[in-house]
C-alpha atoms as a PDB file:
ATOM      1  CA  MET A   1      23.538 -23.619 -22.609  1.00  0.00           C
ATOM      2  CA  GLU A   2      20.263 -22.779 -24.367  1.00  0.00           C
ATOM      3  CA  LEU A   3      18.380 -24.245 -21.419  1.00  0.00           C
ATOM      4  CA  VAL A   4      20.250 -21.949 -19.035  1.00  0.00           C
ATOM      5  CA  GLU A   5      19.342 -18.926 -21.185  1.00  0.00           C
ATOM      6  CA  ARG A   6      15.694 -19.987 -21.182  1.00  0.00           C
ATOM      7  CA  CYS A   7      15.784 -20.358 -17.411  1.00  0.00           C
ATOM      8  CA  ILE A   8      17.273 -16.901 -17.009  1.00  0.00           C
ATOM      9  CA  VAL A   9      14.599 -15.391 -19.277  1.00  0.00           C
ATOM     10  CA  PHE A  10      11.911 -17.232 -17.306  1.00  0.00           C
ATOM     11  CA  LEU A  11      13.325 -15.973 -14.019  1.00  0.00           C
ATOM     12  CA  MET A  12      13.465 -12.392 -15.270  1.00  0.00           C
ATOM     13  CA  MET A  13       9.825 -12.594 -16.390  1.00  0.00           C
ATOM     14  CA  THR A  14       8.886 -14.071 -13.010  1.00  0.00           C
ATOM     15  CA  MET A  15      10.715 -11.236 -11.255  1.00  0.00           C
ATOM     16  CA  VAL A  16       8.735  -8.648 -13.230  1.00  0.00           C
ATOM     17  CA  ALA A  17       5.464 -10.437 -12.474  1.00  0.00           C
ATOM     18  CA  VAL A  18       6.254 -10.579  -8.755  1.00  0.00           C
ATOM     19  CA  GLN A  19       7.145  -6.876  -8.673  1.00  0.00           C
ATOM     20  CA  VAL A  20       3.897  -5.941 -10.444  1.00  0.00           C
ATOM     21  CA  SER A  21       1.859  -8.172  -8.147  1.00  0.00           C
ATOM     22  CA  ASN A  22       2.980  -6.198  -5.081  1.00  0.00           C
ATOM     23  CA  ALA A  23       0.333  -3.571  -5.905  1.00  0.00           C
ATOM     24  CA  ALA A  24      -2.901  -3.982  -3.966  1.00  0.00           C
ATOM     25  CA  VAL A  25      -6.502  -3.435  -5.005  1.00  0.00           C
ATOM     26  CA  HIS A  26      -8.668  -1.745  -2.367  1.00  0.00           C
ATOM     27  CA  LYS A  27     -12.439  -1.835  -2.776  1.00  0.00           C
ATOM     28  CA  VAL A  28     -13.705   1.290  -1.027  1.00  0.00           C
ATOM     29  CA  GLY A  29     -16.056   0.230   1.761  1.00  0.00           C
ATOM     30  CA  ASP A  30     -15.049  -3.423   1.305  1.00  0.00           C
ATOM     31  CA  SER A  31     -18.187  -5.580   0.805  1.00  0.00           C
ATOM     32  CA  SER A  32     -20.540  -2.610   1.327  1.00  0.00           C
ATOM     33  CA  GLY A  33     -18.999  -0.620  -1.508  1.00  0.00           C
ATOM     34  CA  TRP A  34     -19.599   3.097  -2.128  1.00  0.00           C
ATOM     35  CA  THR A  35     -22.986   3.853  -0.550  1.00  0.00           C
ATOM     36  CA  ILE A  36     -24.896   5.690   2.161  1.00  0.00           C
ATOM     37  CA  ILE A  37     -26.859   2.572   3.097  1.00  0.00           C
ATOM     38  CA  GLY A  38     -25.575   0.685   6.128  1.00  0.00           C
ATOM     39  CA  SER A  39     -23.658   3.515   7.780  1.00  0.00           C
ATOM     40  CA  VAL A  40     -20.243   2.715   6.293  1.00  0.00           C
ATOM     41  CA  ASP A  41     -17.529   4.683   8.106  1.00  0.00           C
ATOM     42  CA  TYR A  42     -15.144   5.513   5.256  1.00  0.00           C
ATOM     43  CA  LYS A  43     -12.779   7.366   7.583  1.00  0.00           C
ATOM     44  CA  LYS A  44     -12.418   4.230   9.692  1.00  0.00           C
ATOM     45  CA  TRP A  45     -12.174   2.067   6.552  1.00  0.00           C
ATOM     46  CA  SER A  46      -9.293   4.103   5.092  1.00  0.00           C
ATOM     47  CA  ALA A  47      -7.483   4.208   8.455  1.00  0.00           C
ATOM     48  CA  THR A  48      -7.201   0.405   8.385  1.00  0.00           C
ATOM     49  CA  LYS A  49      -5.475   0.373   4.975  1.00  0.00           C
ATOM     50  CA  ASN A  50      -1.858   0.828   4.000  1.00  0.00           C
ATOM     51  CA  PHE A  51      -2.071   2.596   0.640  1.00  0.00           C
ATOM     52  CA  GLN A  52       0.997   2.537  -1.600  1.00  0.00           C
ATOM     53  CA  ILE A  53       1.898   4.007  -4.968  1.00  0.00           C
ATOM     54  CA  GLY A  54       0.772   1.527  -7.627  1.00  0.00           C
ATOM     55  CA  ASP A  55      -2.280   0.387  -5.658  1.00  0.00           C
ATOM     56  CA  THR A  56      -5.714   0.631  -7.254  1.00  0.00           C
ATOM     57  CA  ILE A  57      -8.745   2.077  -5.496  1.00  0.00           C
ATOM     58  CA  VAL A  58     -12.059   0.643  -6.736  1.00  0.00           C
ATOM     59  CA  PHE A  59     -15.372   2.400  -6.161  1.00  0.00           C
ATOM     60  CA  GLU A  60     -18.343   0.072  -6.714  1.00  0.00           C
ATOM     61  CA  TYR A  61     -21.816   1.616  -6.548  1.00  0.00           C
ATOM     62  CA  ASN A  62     -25.181   1.925  -8.250  1.00  0.00           C
ATOM     63  CA  ALA A  63     -24.549   4.572 -10.933  1.00  0.00           C
ATOM     64  CA  GLN A  64     -28.216   5.621 -10.840  1.00  0.00           C
ATOM     65  CA  PHE A  65     -27.824   6.898  -7.285  1.00  0.00           C
ATOM     66  CA  HIS A  66     -24.146   7.769  -6.760  1.00  0.00           C
ATOM     67  CA  ASN A  67     -20.972   9.046  -8.375  1.00  0.00           C
ATOM     68  CA  VAL A  68     -17.373   9.625  -7.344  1.00  0.00           C
ATOM     69  CA  MET A  69     -15.729  13.035  -7.399  1.00  0.00           C
ATOM     70  CA  ARG A  70     -12.082  13.693  -6.738  1.00  0.00           C
ATOM     71  CA  VAL A  71     -11.860  17.014  -4.927  1.00  0.00           C
ATOM     72  CA  THR A  72      -9.490  19.314  -3.050  1.00  0.00           C
ATOM     73  CA  HIS A  73      -9.084  19.187   0.717  1.00  0.00           C
ATOM     74  CA  ALA A  74     -11.236  22.307   1.201  1.00  0.00           C
ATOM     75  CA  MET A  75     -13.990  20.849  -0.977  1.00  0.00           C
ATOM     76  CA  TYR A  76     -13.763  17.556   0.933  1.00  0.00           C
ATOM     77  CA  LYS A  77     -14.095  19.274   4.309  1.00  0.00           C
ATOM     78  CA  SER A  78     -17.110  21.342   3.219  1.00  0.00           C
ATOM     79  CA  CYS A  79     -18.707  18.589   1.054  1.00  0.00           C
ATOM     80  CA  ASN A  80     -18.561  20.910  -1.937  1.00  0.00           C
ATOM     81  CA  GLY A  81     -18.770  19.007  -5.221  1.00  0.00           C
ATOM     82  CA  SER A  82     -19.507  22.044  -7.399  1.00  0.00           C
ATOM     83  CA  SER A  83     -16.211  21.954  -9.309  1.00  0.00           C
ATOM     84  CA  PRO A  84     -14.497  18.575  -8.830  1.00  0.00           C
ATOM     85  CA  LEU A  85     -11.043  17.796 -10.161  1.00  0.00           C
ATOM     86  CA  THR A  86     -12.465  14.636 -11.782  1.00  0.00           C
ATOM     87  CA  THR A  87     -15.855  12.920 -11.840  1.00  0.00           C
ATOM     88  CA  PHE A  88     -16.452   9.187 -12.255  1.00  0.00           C
ATOM     89  CA  THR A  89     -19.872   7.732 -13.059  1.00  0.00           C
ATOM     90  CA  THR A  90     -19.477   4.129 -14.263  1.00  0.00           C
ATOM     91  CA  GLY A  91     -20.480   2.331 -11.073  1.00  0.00           C
ATOM     92  CA  LYS A  92     -17.161   0.479 -11.016  1.00  0.00           C
ATOM     93  CA  ASP A  93     -14.401   3.063 -11.150  1.00  0.00           C
ATOM     94  CA  SER A  94     -10.762   1.989 -10.789  1.00  0.00           C
ATOM     95  CA  ILE A  95      -8.276   4.680  -9.863  1.00  0.00           C
ATOM     96  CA  LYS A  96      -4.560   3.908  -9.754  1.00  0.00           C
ATOM     97  CA  ILE A  97      -2.536   5.706  -7.088  1.00  0.00           C
ATOM     98  CA  THR A  98       0.421   7.430  -8.722  1.00  0.00           C
ATOM     99  CA  ASN A  99       1.678   9.795  -6.019  1.00  0.00           C
ATOM    100  CA  TYR A 100       2.043  10.276  -2.280  1.00  0.00           C
ATOM    101  CA  GLY A 101      -0.275  12.392  -0.174  1.00  0.00           C
ATOM    102  CA  HIS A 102      -3.995  12.733   0.381  1.00  0.00           C
ATOM    103  CA  HIS A 103      -6.491  11.860  -2.331  1.00  0.00           C
ATOM    104  CA  PHE A 104      -9.966  13.164  -1.480  1.00  0.00           C
ATOM    105  CA  PHE A 105     -13.172  11.676  -2.900  1.00  0.00           C
ATOM    106  CA  LEU A 106     -16.844  12.295  -2.257  1.00  0.00           C
ATOM    107  CA  CYS A 107     -20.240  11.490  -3.722  1.00  0.00           C
ATOM    108  CA  GLY A 108     -21.620  14.548  -5.511  1.00  0.00           C
ATOM    109  CA  VAL A 109     -25.284  13.613  -5.094  1.00  0.00           C
ATOM    110  CA  PRO A 110     -26.857  16.236  -2.778  1.00  0.00           C
ATOM    111  CA  GLY A 111     -26.796  15.132   0.861  1.00  0.00           C
ATOM    112  CA  HIS A 112     -24.628  12.041   0.350  1.00  0.00           C
ATOM    113  CA  CYS A 113     -21.325  13.608   1.377  1.00  0.00           C
ATOM    114  CA  GLN A 114     -22.980  15.146   4.429  1.00  0.00           C
ATOM    115  CA  ALA A 115     -24.249  11.636   5.261  1.00  0.00           C
ATOM    116  CA  GLY A 116     -20.634  10.403   5.289  1.00  0.00           C
ATOM    117  CA  GLN A 117     -20.058   9.274   1.697  1.00  0.00           C
ATOM    118  CA  LYS A 118     -16.570  10.696   1.410  1.00  0.00           C
ATOM    119  CA  VAL A 119     -13.117   9.188   1.806  1.00  0.00           C
ATOM    120  CA  ASP A 120      -9.560  10.424   2.287  1.00  0.00           C
ATOM    121  CA  ILE A 121      -7.039   8.025   0.742  1.00  0.00           C
ATOM    122  CA  ASN A 122      -3.719   8.900   2.374  1.00  0.00           C
ATOM    123  CA  VAL A 123      -0.627   7.470   0.705  1.00  0.00           C
ATOM    124  CA  LEU A 124       2.299   7.793   3.072  1.00  0.00           C
ATOM    125  CA  ASN A 125       5.846   8.174   1.876  1.00  0.00           C
ATOM    126  CA  VAL A 126       7.134   5.548   4.303  1.00  0.00           C
ATOM    127  CA  SER A 127      10.828   6.414   3.966  1.00  0.00           C
ATOM    128  CA  ALA A 128      10.142  10.138   4.486  1.00  0.00           C
ATOM    129  CA  ALA A 129       7.787   9.420   7.411  1.00  0.00           C
ATOM    130  CA  ALA A 130      10.412   7.213   9.073  1.00  0.00           C
ATOM    131  CA  ALA A 131      13.076   9.880   8.619  1.00  0.00           C
ATOM    132  CA  ALA A 132      10.804  12.554  10.122  1.00  0.00           C
ATOM    133  CA  THR A 133       9.963  10.475  13.213  1.00  0.00           C
ATOM    134  CA  PRO A 134      12.240  11.536  16.056  1.00  0.00           C
ATOM    135  CA  THR A 135      13.923   8.793  17.995  1.00  0.00           C
ATOM    136  CA  LYS A 136      13.228   8.658  21.701  1.00  0.00           C
ATOM    137  CA  SER A 137      16.186   9.355  23.898  1.00  0.00           C
ATOM    138  CA  PRO A 138      16.376   7.843  27.342  1.00  0.00           C
ATOM    139  CA  SER A 139      14.973   9.996  30.101  1.00  0.00           C
ATOM    140  CA  ALA A 140      17.463  11.723  32.375  1.00  0.00           C
ATOM    141  CA  LEU A 141      15.490  10.326  35.310  1.00  0.00           C
ATOM    142  CA  ALA A 142      15.633   6.720  34.116  1.00  0.00           C
ATOM    143  CA  SER A 143      18.024   4.528  36.022  1.00  0.00           C
ATOM    144  CA  PRO A 144      20.461   2.504  33.945  1.00  0.00           C
ATOM    145  CA  VAL A 145      19.778  -1.196  33.577  1.00  0.00           C
ATOM    146  CA  PRO A 146      22.792  -3.335  34.525  1.00  0.00           C
ATOM    147  CA  VAL A 147      24.203  -5.436  31.698  1.00  0.00           C
ATOM    148  CA  ALA A 148      23.823  -9.156  32.285  1.00  0.00           C
ATOM    149  CA  ASN A 149      27.026 -11.134  32.519  1.00  0.00           C
ATOM    150  CA  THR A 150      26.345 -13.310  29.456  1.00  0.00           C
ATOM    151  CA  PRO A 151      29.156 -15.179  27.724  1.00  0.00           C
ATOM    152  CA  ALA A 152      29.811 -14.328  24.088  1.00  0.00           C
ATOM    153  CA  PRO A 153      28.548 -16.831  21.533  1.00  0.00           C
ATOM    154  CA  SER A 154      31.067 -19.379  20.329  1.00  0.00           C
ATOM    155  CA  PRO A 155      32.424 -18.844  16.821  1.00  0.00           C
ATOM    156  CA  ASN A 156      30.685 -20.700  14.024  1.00  0.00           C
ATOM    157  CA  ASN A 157      32.614 -21.902  11.010  1.00  0.00           C
ATOM    158  CA  ALA A 158      29.497 -22.157   8.853  1.00  0.00           C
ATOM    159  CA  SER A 159      29.145 -19.613   6.088  1.00  0.00           C
ATOM    160  CA  PRO A 160      26.711 -16.817   6.886  1.00  0.00           C
ATOM    161  CA  LEU A 161      23.158 -16.986   5.571  1.00  0.00           C
ATOM    162  CA  ILE A 162      22.332 -13.932   3.533  1.00  0.00           C
ATOM    163  CA  VAL A 163      18.628 -13.431   3.010  1.00  0.00           C
ATOM    164  CA  ALA A 164      17.387 -11.372   0.075  1.00  0.00           C
ATOM    165  CA  LYS A 165      13.758 -10.386   0.113  1.00  0.00           C
ATOM    166  CA  GLY A 166      11.227 -10.061  -2.665  1.00  0.00           C
ATOM    167  CA  ALA A 167      11.603 -10.894  -6.310  1.00  0.00           C
ATOM    168  CA  PHE A 168      15.367 -10.435  -6.358  1.00  0.00           C
ATOM    169  CA  GLY A 169      15.782 -12.963  -3.559  1.00  0.00           C
ATOM    170  CA  PHE A 170      13.577 -15.412  -5.442  1.00  0.00           C
ATOM    171  CA  VAL A 171      15.538 -14.915  -8.665  1.00  0.00           C
ATOM    172  CA  GLY A 172      18.851 -15.292  -6.867  1.00  0.00           C
ATOM    173  CA  LEU A 173      17.730 -18.488  -5.195  1.00  0.00           C
ATOM    174  CA  ALA A 174      16.375 -19.901  -8.453  1.00  0.00           C
ATOM    175  CA  MET A 175      19.567 -18.990 -10.340  1.00  0.00           C
ATOM    176  CA  THR A 176      21.639 -20.699  -7.666  1.00  0.00           C
ATOM    177  CA  VAL A 177      19.533 -23.853  -7.880  1.00  0.00           C
ATOM    178  CA  PHE A 178      19.591 -23.936 -11.703  1.00  0.00           C
ATOM    179  CA  SER A 179      23.316 -23.229 -11.878  1.00  0.00           C
ATOM    180  CA  SER A 180      24.042 -26.172  -9.595  1.00  0.00           C
ATOM    181  CA  PHE A 181      22.404 -28.468 -12.162  1.00  0.00           C
ATOM    182  CA  TYR A 182      24.244 -27.156 -15.218  1.00  0.00           C
ATOM    183  CA  PHE A 183      27.663 -26.031 -14.084  1.00  0.00           C
END
């Protein structure tokens, strides 16, 4: 019985580790980093990412020539870094995303933002976005498609396969396997 308890504790710890590992780390600008050299298109870069709460955004840059300022939308649009919400200057700044919405960053060195060194990290609330998306109804002009005369599938006496995703599915599978050995 002690072995079963150890297995359960191990599985619970594994479940926590898997849940934590779902967070992604995004290096701004990928291999180019946070710079004005090389014409990095940060708008295009951020558009290719799927940012989630819990993800970490990493700005890597030469601290002698750049910084990172978190700013408001108006400041972002006008490249105004005169009163940022937060300033980072280490050269390797990690910022954890803790809420949905837009997170605006720019380089406060004169001329850098105007040269394109600014990024909008947009964290979508996927469930809210899906609920707000209207479903398309069929057009009144569309002609109906006839239903094919396909026979119904024959009944299957096998028990249904229920698939659980993520850490809970892994834990459930592991518990089932371990219980078959000990019970």
